[in-house]
Amino acid sequence: MGDLQRNLSKYDERGVTVVALSVDKPDVTLPWATEKGLSFPLLSDPDLKIIRGWNLENEGVGDLAWHAVYLIDTDGTIFYRKVARRRAYSKEFLAAIDYWQWFKGSAPAAPSPSASDASDASEASEAAPVSPSEPSEPLEPSETSETSPSPPA
């Protein structure tokens, strides 16, 4: 989550609100979030209602969830989904957001490169390339799409 916090201004530039969800109770997450300096909302789901509803429970490990990221448009369309054993990095998310905004024709002015972009390179080398999902009607939590729109010519 530190990566999200370090890149929060890049999400803001794109008009994106970051929200995180944890399986831990608030009395555990609040001190942790404060210690880490997180300034975005960190929601708590200790009963796993949301996590199970989105099929994200890591059943082999007890009351834990898979690392998951959903990017959801303002109309409710899930345009990017990643569920994995490892954490993904902002570089992936920002690329998916930029592509989606380009695809929808709603891209804001291009964000200016910053010094932190260079530091993202080391993290990005660990991350596999990911494409956003096919645009669709708003999806129910258990539905997903794995295809990608065609890239620009």
N, C-alpha and C. Protein backbone atom coordinates (compact mmCIF):
# COMPACT_ATOMS: atom_id res chain seq x y z
N MET A 1 0.82 -1.19 0.00
CA MET A 1 0.00 0.00 0.00
C MET A 1 0.86 1.25 0.00
N GLY A 2 2.11 1.06 0.38
CA GLY A 2 3.02 2.18 0.33
C GLY A 2 3.19 2.70 -1.09
N ASP A 3 3.17 1.78 -2.07
CA ASP A 3 3.26 2.17 -3.47
C ASP A 3 2.08 3.04 -3.87
N LEU A 4 0.89 2.69 -3.41
CA LEU A 4 -0.29 3.51 -3.70
C LEU A 4 -0.13 4.89 -3.10
N GLN A 5 0.33 4.95 -1.85
CA GLN A 5 0.50 6.24 -1.19
C GLN A 5 1.55 7.08 -1.91
N ARG A 6 2.69 6.48 -2.26
CA ARG A 6 3.76 7.23 -2.94
C ARG A 6 3.29 7.79 -4.28
N ASN A 7 2.33 7.13 -4.92
CA ASN A 7 1.86 7.55 -6.24
C ASN A 7 0.49 8.20 -6.21
N LEU A 8 0.02 8.57 -5.03
CA LEU A 8 -1.33 9.12 -4.89
C LEU A 8 -1.55 10.35 -5.77
N SER A 9 -0.55 11.20 -5.90
CA SER A 9 -0.72 12.40 -6.74
C SER A 9 -0.95 12.03 -8.20
N LYS A 10 -0.37 10.93 -8.66
CA LYS A 10 -0.57 10.49 -10.05
C LYS A 10 -2.01 10.02 -10.26
N TYR A 11 -2.58 9.38 -9.25
CA TYR A 11 -3.99 8.98 -9.33
C TYR A 11 -4.87 10.23 -9.32
N ASP A 12 -4.54 11.18 -8.45
CA ASP A 12 -5.30 12.44 -8.38
C ASP A 12 -5.29 13.16 -9.72
N GLU A 13 -4.12 13.21 -10.39
CA GLU A 13 -4.01 13.87 -11.70
C GLU A 13 -4.95 13.24 -12.72
N ARG A 14 -5.27 11.98 -12.54
CA ARG A 14 -6.12 11.25 -13.49
C ARG A 14 -7.58 11.21 -13.03
N GLY A 15 -7.87 11.88 -11.92
CA GLY A 15 -9.24 11.90 -11.41
C GLY A 15 -9.67 10.59 -10.77
N VAL A 16 -8.72 9.83 -10.22
CA VAL A 16 -8.99 8.51 -9.66
C VAL A 16 -8.96 8.58 -8.14
N THR A 17 -9.94 7.93 -7.51
CA THR A 17 -9.99 7.82 -6.06
C THR A 17 -9.48 6.44 -5.66
N VAL A 18 -8.50 6.40 -4.78
CA VAL A 18 -7.94 5.14 -4.28
C VAL A 18 -8.66 4.78 -2.99
N VAL A 19 -9.11 3.52 -2.91
CA VAL A 19 -9.72 2.97 -1.71
C VAL A 19 -9.17 1.56 -1.56
N ALA A 20 -8.80 1.17 -0.34
CA ALA A 20 -8.28 -0.17 -0.09
C ALA A 20 -9.21 -0.90 0.87
N LEU A 21 -9.13 -2.23 0.84
CA LEU A 21 -9.97 -3.08 1.69
C LEU A 21 -9.07 -4.11 2.36
N SER A 22 -9.26 -4.31 3.65
CA SER A 22 -8.47 -5.25 4.42
C SER A 22 -9.38 -6.24 5.14
N VAL A 23 -8.86 -7.44 5.41
CA VAL A 23 -9.61 -8.42 6.20
C VAL A 23 -9.49 -8.12 7.69
N ASP A 24 -8.57 -7.27 8.05
CA ASP A 24 -8.32 -6.98 9.47
C ASP A 24 -9.39 -6.05 10.05
N LYS A 25 -9.55 -6.15 11.36
CA LYS A 25 -10.49 -5.28 12.06
C LYS A 25 -9.92 -3.86 12.12
N PRO A 26 -10.80 -2.85 12.24
CA PRO A 26 -10.34 -1.46 12.28
C PRO A 26 -9.30 -1.19 13.37
N ASP A 27 -9.40 -1.87 14.53
CA ASP A 27 -8.43 -1.61 15.59
C ASP A 27 -7.03 -2.10 15.22
N VAL A 28 -6.93 -2.92 14.19
CA VAL A 28 -5.64 -3.36 13.67
C VAL A 28 -5.21 -2.47 12.50
N THR A 29 -6.14 -2.19 11.58
CA THR A 29 -5.78 -1.44 10.38
C THR A 29 -5.51 0.03 10.64
N LEU A 30 -6.26 0.64 11.55
CA LEU A 30 -6.08 2.07 11.79
C LEU A 30 -4.68 2.41 12.29
N PRO A 31 -4.17 1.74 13.33
CA PRO A 31 -2.80 2.05 13.75
C PRO A 31 -1.77 1.76 12.66
N TRP A 32 -1.98 0.67 11.93
CA TRP A 32 -1.05 0.31 10.85
C TRP A 32 -1.07 1.38 9.75
N ALA A 33 -2.27 1.79 9.33
CA ALA A 33 -2.40 2.81 8.29
C ALA A 33 -1.79 4.14 8.74
N THR A 34 -1.97 4.47 10.01
CA THR A 34 -1.39 5.70 10.56
C THR A 34 0.13 5.62 10.55
N GLU A 35 0.66 4.49 10.98
CA GLU A 35 2.12 4.29 11.00
C GLU A 35 2.71 4.38 9.59
N LYS A 36 1.98 3.86 8.59
CA LYS A 36 2.46 3.88 7.20
C LYS A 36 2.19 5.21 6.52
N GLY A 37 1.42 6.10 7.16
CA GLY A 37 1.13 7.40 6.59
C GLY A 37 0.14 7.35 5.44
N LEU A 38 -0.77 6.37 5.45
CA LEU A 38 -1.75 6.26 4.38
C LEU A 38 -2.80 7.35 4.51
N SER A 39 -3.06 8.06 3.43
CA SER A 39 -4.04 9.14 3.48
C SER A 39 -5.28 8.83 2.64
N PHE A 40 -5.37 7.62 2.10
CA PHE A 40 -6.56 7.22 1.37
C PHE A 40 -7.38 6.28 2.26
N PRO A 41 -8.68 6.12 1.97
CA PRO A 41 -9.52 5.27 2.82
C PRO A 41 -9.07 3.81 2.81
N LEU A 42 -9.01 3.22 3.98
CA LEU A 42 -8.71 1.80 4.15
C LEU A 42 -9.91 1.19 4.86
N LEU A 43 -10.71 0.46 4.11
CA LEU A 43 -11.92 -0.14 4.65
C LEU A 43 -11.60 -1.48 5.29
N SER A 44 -12.48 -1.94 6.18
CA SER A 44 -12.26 -3.17 6.92
C SER A 44 -13.38 -4.16 6.63
N ASP A 45 -13.01 -5.42 6.37
CA ASP A 45 -13.99 -6.48 6.09
C ASP A 45 -13.62 -7.74 6.88
N PRO A 46 -13.62 -7.65 8.24
CA PRO A 46 -13.19 -8.81 9.03
C PRO A 46 -14.12 -10.01 8.91
N ASP A 47 -15.37 -9.80 8.53
CA ASP A 47 -16.30 -10.92 8.35
C ASP A 47 -16.23 -11.51 6.94
N LEU A 48 -15.39 -10.92 6.10
CA LEU A 48 -15.14 -11.38 4.72
C LEU A 48 -16.39 -11.34 3.84
N LYS A 49 -17.36 -10.51 4.17
CA LYS A 49 -18.58 -10.45 3.36
C LYS A 49 -18.29 -9.93 1.95
N ILE A 50 -17.57 -8.84 1.85
CA ILE A 50 -17.24 -8.29 0.53
C ILE A 50 -16.24 -9.20 -0.18
N ILE A 51 -15.24 -9.63 0.55
CA ILE A 51 -14.19 -10.47 -0.03
C ILE A 51 -14.78 -11.77 -0.58
N ARG A 52 -15.65 -12.42 0.17
CA ARG A 52 -16.30 -13.65 -0.33
C ARG A 52 -17.25 -13.33 -1.47
N GLY A 53 -17.95 -12.19 -1.39
CA GLY A 53 -18.88 -11.81 -2.45
C GLY A 53 -18.18 -11.59 -3.79
N TRP A 54 -16.90 -11.22 -3.74
CA TRP A 54 -16.13 -11.01 -4.96
C TRP A 54 -15.20 -12.19 -5.25
N ASN A 55 -15.41 -13.31 -4.52
CA ASN A 55 -14.62 -14.54 -4.70
C ASN A 55 -13.13 -14.29 -4.53
N LEU A 56 -12.76 -13.56 -3.50
CA LEU A 56 -11.36 -13.22 -3.28
C LEU A 56 -10.77 -13.86 -2.03
N GLU A 57 -11.52 -14.74 -1.38
CA GLU A 57 -10.99 -15.39 -0.18
C GLU A 57 -9.91 -16.40 -0.58
N ASN A 58 -8.79 -16.33 0.08
CA ASN A 58 -7.69 -17.27 -0.14
C ASN A 58 -7.92 -18.43 0.82
N GLU A 59 -8.78 -19.35 0.42
CA GLU A 59 -9.27 -20.40 1.31
C GLU A 59 -8.16 -21.28 1.88
N GLY A 60 -7.07 -21.44 1.16
CA GLY A 60 -6.00 -22.29 1.64
C GLY A 60 -5.17 -21.67 2.75
N VAL A 61 -5.40 -20.39 3.08
CA VAL A 61 -4.56 -19.68 4.03
C VAL A 61 -5.38 -19.14 5.21
N GLY A 62 -6.58 -19.54 5.36
CA GLY A 62 -7.39 -19.03 6.47
C GLY A 62 -8.10 -17.75 6.08
N ASP A 63 -8.27 -16.85 7.02
CA ASP A 63 -9.02 -15.62 6.79
C ASP A 63 -8.18 -14.57 6.09
N LEU A 64 -7.71 -14.89 4.92
CA LEU A 64 -6.94 -13.95 4.11
C LEU A 64 -7.58 -13.82 2.75
N ALA A 65 -7.32 -12.70 2.11
CA ALA A 65 -7.82 -12.46 0.76
C ALA A 65 -6.65 -12.50 -0.21
N TRP A 66 -6.96 -12.79 -1.47
CA TRP A 66 -5.97 -12.67 -2.53
C TRP A 66 -5.65 -11.20 -2.72
N HIS A 67 -4.46 -10.90 -3.20
CA HIS A 67 -4.16 -9.53 -3.61
C HIS A 67 -5.03 -9.26 -4.83
N ALA A 68 -5.84 -8.25 -4.77
CA ALA A 68 -6.75 -7.98 -5.87
C ALA A 68 -6.87 -6.48 -6.08
N VAL A 69 -6.98 -6.11 -7.35
CA VAL A 69 -7.19 -4.72 -7.73
C VAL A 69 -8.31 -4.70 -8.76
N TYR A 70 -9.28 -3.85 -8.51
CA TYR A 70 -10.35 -3.59 -9.47
C TYR A 70 -10.32 -2.11 -9.77
N LEU A 71 -10.29 -1.76 -11.04
CA LEU A 71 -10.43 -0.37 -11.45
C LEU A 71 -11.83 -0.25 -12.03
N ILE A 72 -12.61 0.63 -11.44
CA ILE A 72 -14.03 0.74 -11.78
C ILE A 72 -14.31 2.16 -12.25
N ASP A 73 -14.91 2.27 -13.43
CA ASP A 73 -15.26 3.57 -13.99
C ASP A 73 -16.43 4.16 -13.20
N THR A 74 -16.65 5.45 -13.38
CA THR A 74 -17.73 6.13 -12.65
C THR A 74 -19.11 5.56 -13.00
N ASP A 75 -19.23 4.87 -14.15
CA ASP A 75 -20.52 4.27 -14.51
C ASP A 75 -20.64 2.84 -13.98
N GLY A 76 -19.64 2.36 -13.22
CA GLY A 76 -19.70 1.03 -12.63
C GLY A 76 -19.05 -0.06 -13.45
N THR A 77 -18.46 0.29 -14.59
CA THR A 77 -17.80 -0.70 -15.43
C THR A 77 -16.43 -1.05 -14.86
N ILE A 78 -16.21 -2.34 -14.65
CA ILE A 78 -14.89 -2.81 -14.23
C ILE A 78 -14.06 -2.90 -15.50
N PHE A 79 -13.03 -2.06 -15.61
CA PHE A 79 -12.23 -2.07 -16.83
C PHE A 79 -10.84 -2.68 -16.62
N TYR A 80 -10.52 -3.03 -15.40
CA TYR A 80 -9.25 -3.68 -15.11
C TYR A 80 -9.44 -4.51 -13.85
N ARG A 81 -8.93 -5.74 -13.92
CA ARG A 81 -9.03 -6.63 -12.77
C ARG A 81 -7.75 -7.43 -12.69
N LYS A 82 -7.19 -7.49 -11.52
CA LYS A 82 -6.01 -8.32 -11.31
C LYS A 82 -6.15 -8.99 -9.95
N VAL A 83 -6.11 -10.31 -9.97
CA VAL A 83 -6.13 -11.11 -8.76
C VAL A 83 -4.90 -11.99 -8.84
N ALA A 84 -4.04 -11.92 -7.83
CA ALA A 84 -2.77 -12.62 -7.92
C ALA A 84 -2.19 -12.93 -6.55
N ARG A 85 -1.16 -13.74 -6.54
CA ARG A 85 -0.44 -14.05 -5.31
C ARG A 85 0.47 -12.90 -4.90
N ARG A 86 0.92 -12.12 -5.87
CA ARG A 86 1.83 -11.02 -5.57
C ARG A 86 1.12 -9.70 -5.75
N ARG A 87 1.65 -8.69 -5.11
CA ARG A 87 1.09 -7.36 -5.26
C ARG A 87 1.49 -6.80 -6.62
N ALA A 88 0.60 -6.08 -7.21
CA ALA A 88 0.92 -5.35 -8.43
C ALA A 88 1.36 -3.95 -8.03
N TYR A 89 1.88 -3.20 -8.99
CA TYR A 89 2.39 -1.87 -8.69
C TYR A 89 1.64 -0.80 -9.47
N SER A 90 1.73 0.42 -8.97
CA SER A 90 1.03 1.55 -9.56
C SER A 90 1.31 1.71 -11.05
N LYS A 91 2.52 1.39 -11.48
CA LYS A 91 2.85 1.54 -12.89
C LYS A 91 1.84 0.78 -13.76
N GLU A 92 1.45 -0.43 -13.34
CA GLU A 92 0.43 -1.21 -14.07
C GLU A 92 -0.92 -0.51 -14.03
N PHE A 93 -1.31 -0.08 -12.84
CA PHE A 93 -2.63 0.54 -12.69
C PHE A 93 -2.74 1.83 -13.49
N LEU A 94 -1.70 2.65 -13.40
CA LEU A 94 -1.71 3.94 -14.10
C LEU A 94 -1.75 3.73 -15.61
N ALA A 95 -1.04 2.72 -16.10
CA ALA A 95 -1.09 2.41 -17.54
C ALA A 95 -2.50 1.98 -17.95
N ALA A 96 -3.14 1.16 -17.11
CA ALA A 96 -4.50 0.72 -17.41
C ALA A 96 -5.48 1.90 -17.38
N ILE A 97 -5.31 2.79 -16.42
CA ILE A 97 -6.17 3.98 -16.32
C ILE A 97 -5.97 4.87 -17.54
N ASP A 98 -4.72 5.11 -17.91
CA ASP A 98 -4.44 5.94 -19.09
C ASP A 98 -5.05 5.34 -20.34
N TYR A 99 -4.91 4.03 -20.51
CA TYR A 99 -5.47 3.37 -21.68
C TYR A 99 -6.99 3.48 -21.68
N TRP A 100 -7.61 3.21 -20.53
CA TRP A 100 -9.07 3.28 -20.45
C TRP A 100 -9.56 4.69 -20.75
N GLN A 101 -8.90 5.69 -20.18
CA GLN A 101 -9.33 7.06 -20.43
C GLN A 101 -9.15 7.42 -21.90
N TRP A 102 -8.08 6.94 -22.52
CA TRP A 102 -7.89 7.16 -23.95
C TRP A 102 -9.01 6.46 -24.73
N PHE A 103 -9.30 5.21 -24.39
CA PHE A 103 -10.31 4.40 -25.07
C PHE A 103 -11.69 5.06 -24.98
N LYS A 104 -12.00 5.60 -23.81
CA LYS A 104 -13.29 6.25 -23.60
C LYS A 104 -13.31 7.68 -24.13
N GLY A 105 -12.14 8.19 -24.53
CA GLY A 105 -12.07 9.56 -25.02
C GLY A 105 -12.17 10.58 -23.91
N SER A 106 -11.81 10.17 -22.68
CA SER A 106 -11.95 11.07 -21.55
C SER A 106 -10.63 11.34 -20.85
N ALA A 107 -9.53 11.12 -21.56
CA ALA A 107 -8.23 11.31 -20.92
C ALA A 107 -8.01 12.77 -20.56
N PRO A 108 -7.62 13.03 -19.30
CA PRO A 108 -7.27 14.40 -18.93
C PRO A 108 -5.93 14.76 -19.57
N ALA A 109 -5.50 15.97 -19.38
CA ALA A 109 -4.19 16.37 -19.90
C ALA A 109 -3.15 15.37 -19.41
N ALA A 110 -2.22 15.03 -20.28
CA ALA A 110 -1.21 14.03 -19.94
C ALA A 110 -0.43 14.46 -18.70
N PRO A 111 -0.30 13.54 -17.74
CA PRO A 111 0.49 13.88 -16.55
C PRO A 111 1.94 14.10 -16.92
N SER A 112 2.59 15.03 -16.25
CA SER A 112 3.99 15.30 -16.55
C SER A 112 4.86 14.25 -15.87
N PRO A 113 5.95 13.81 -16.54
CA PRO A 113 6.85 12.84 -15.92
C PRO A 113 7.46 13.44 -14.66
N SER A 114 7.71 12.60 -13.69
CA SER A 114 8.32 13.07 -12.45
C SER A 114 9.53 12.22 -12.11
N ALA A 115 10.29 12.67 -11.16
CA ALA A 115 11.48 11.93 -10.73
C ALA A 115 11.09 10.56 -10.20
N SER A 116 9.89 10.46 -9.60
CA SER A 116 9.48 9.16 -9.05
C SER A 116 9.21 8.14 -10.14
N ASP A 117 8.95 8.59 -11.40
CA ASP A 117 8.76 7.64 -12.49
C ASP A 117 9.99 6.77 -12.67
N ALA A 118 11.17 7.34 -12.51
CA ALA A 118 12.40 6.58 -12.66
C ALA A 118 12.52 5.53 -11.57
N SER A 119 12.09 5.86 -10.35
CA SER A 119 12.18 4.88 -9.27
C SER A 119 11.16 3.77 -9.46
N ASP A 120 10.09 4.02 -10.22
CA ASP A 120 9.11 2.98 -10.49
C ASP A 120 9.69 1.88 -11.36
N ALA A 121 10.74 2.17 -12.10
CA ALA A 121 11.30 1.21 -13.05
C ALA A 121 11.75 -0.07 -12.34
N SER A 122 12.33 0.05 -11.16
CA SER A 122 12.77 -1.15 -10.46
C SER A 122 11.59 -2.01 -10.04
N GLU A 123 10.51 -1.37 -9.61
CA GLU A 123 9.31 -2.13 -9.26
C GLU A 123 8.66 -2.71 -10.50
N ALA A 124 8.65 -1.97 -11.57
CA ALA A 124 7.98 -2.42 -12.79
C ALA A 124 8.66 -3.65 -13.36
N SER A 125 9.96 -3.81 -13.15
CA SER A 125 10.64 -4.97 -13.70
C SER A 125 10.11 -6.26 -13.10
N GLU A 126 9.51 -6.19 -11.91
CA GLU A 126 8.93 -7.36 -11.28
C GLU A 126 7.52 -7.64 -11.80
N ALA A 127 6.92 -6.70 -12.48
CA ALA A 127 5.52 -6.80 -12.86
C ALA A 127 5.38 -7.21 -14.32
N ALA A 128 4.50 -8.16 -14.56
CA ALA A 128 4.21 -8.58 -15.93
C ALA A 128 3.27 -7.58 -16.57
N PRO A 129 3.37 -7.38 -17.90
CA PRO A 129 2.46 -6.45 -18.56
C PRO A 129 1.02 -6.94 -18.46
N VAL A 130 0.11 -6.03 -18.28
CA VAL A 130 -1.30 -6.36 -18.12
C VAL A 130 -2.11 -5.42 -18.99
N SER A 131 -3.15 -5.96 -19.63
CA SER A 131 -4.04 -5.13 -20.43
C SER A 131 -5.36 -4.95 -19.71
N PRO A 132 -6.01 -3.81 -19.89
CA PRO A 132 -7.32 -3.64 -19.29
C PRO A 132 -8.33 -4.58 -19.94
N SER A 133 -9.40 -4.87 -19.23
CA SER A 133 -10.43 -5.77 -19.73
C SER A 133 -11.30 -5.09 -20.77
N GLU A 134 -11.99 -5.89 -21.55
CA GLU A 134 -12.93 -5.41 -22.56
C GLU A 134 -13.97 -4.52 -21.90
N PRO A 135 -14.25 -3.35 -22.47
CA PRO A 135 -15.33 -2.53 -21.93
C PRO A 135 -16.64 -3.32 -21.98
N SER A 136 -17.46 -3.13 -20.98
CA SER A 136 -18.68 -3.92 -20.91
C SER A 136 -19.73 -3.16 -20.13
N GLU A 137 -20.87 -3.80 -20.01
CA GLU A 137 -21.89 -3.29 -19.12
C GLU A 137 -21.33 -3.40 -17.71
N PRO A 138 -21.85 -2.63 -16.77
CA PRO A 138 -21.37 -2.79 -15.39
C PRO A 138 -21.50 -4.25 -14.96
N LEU A 139 -20.47 -4.78 -14.31
CA LEU A 139 -20.42 -6.18 -13.94
C LEU A 139 -20.84 -6.40 -12.50
N GLU A 140 -21.40 -7.56 -12.25
CA GLU A 140 -21.65 -7.99 -10.89
C GLU A 140 -20.30 -8.41 -10.31
N PRO A 141 -20.15 -8.42 -9.00
CA PRO A 141 -18.85 -8.74 -8.41
C PRO A 141 -18.25 -10.06 -8.88
N SER A 142 -19.05 -11.08 -9.15
CA SER A 142 -18.48 -12.38 -9.52
C SER A 142 -18.21 -12.50 -11.01
N GLU A 143 -18.62 -11.52 -11.84
CA GLU A 143 -18.37 -11.58 -13.27
C GLU A 143 -17.06 -10.88 -13.61
N THR A 144 -16.35 -11.42 -14.59
CA THR A 144 -15.13 -10.78 -15.04
C THR A 144 -14.98 -10.97 -16.53
N SER A 145 -14.11 -10.18 -17.13
CA SER A 145 -13.82 -10.28 -18.55
C SER A 145 -12.31 -10.28 -18.70
N GLU A 146 -11.78 -11.10 -19.60
CA GLU A 146 -10.34 -11.24 -19.74
C GLU A 146 -9.80 -10.74 -21.08
N THR A 147 -10.63 -10.22 -21.97
CA THR A 147 -10.13 -9.76 -23.26
C THR A 147 -9.81 -8.29 -23.21
N SER A 148 -9.06 -7.83 -24.20
CA SER A 148 -8.63 -6.43 -24.22
C SER A 148 -9.13 -5.73 -25.47
N PRO A 149 -9.47 -4.45 -25.37
CA PRO A 149 -9.79 -3.69 -26.57
C PRO A 149 -8.53 -3.54 -27.41
N SER A 150 -8.70 -3.27 -28.68
CA SER A 150 -7.55 -3.11 -29.55
C SER A 150 -6.78 -1.85 -29.18
N PRO A 151 -5.43 -1.94 -29.19
CA PRO A 151 -4.63 -0.76 -28.88
C PRO A 151 -4.71 0.25 -30.00
N PRO A 152 -4.30 1.49 -29.75
CA PRO A 152 -4.35 2.51 -30.80
C PRO A 152 -3.43 2.12 -31.95
N ALA A 153 -3.82 2.51 -33.16
CA ALA A 153 -3.01 2.19 -34.35
C ALA A 153 -1.82 3.08 -34.47
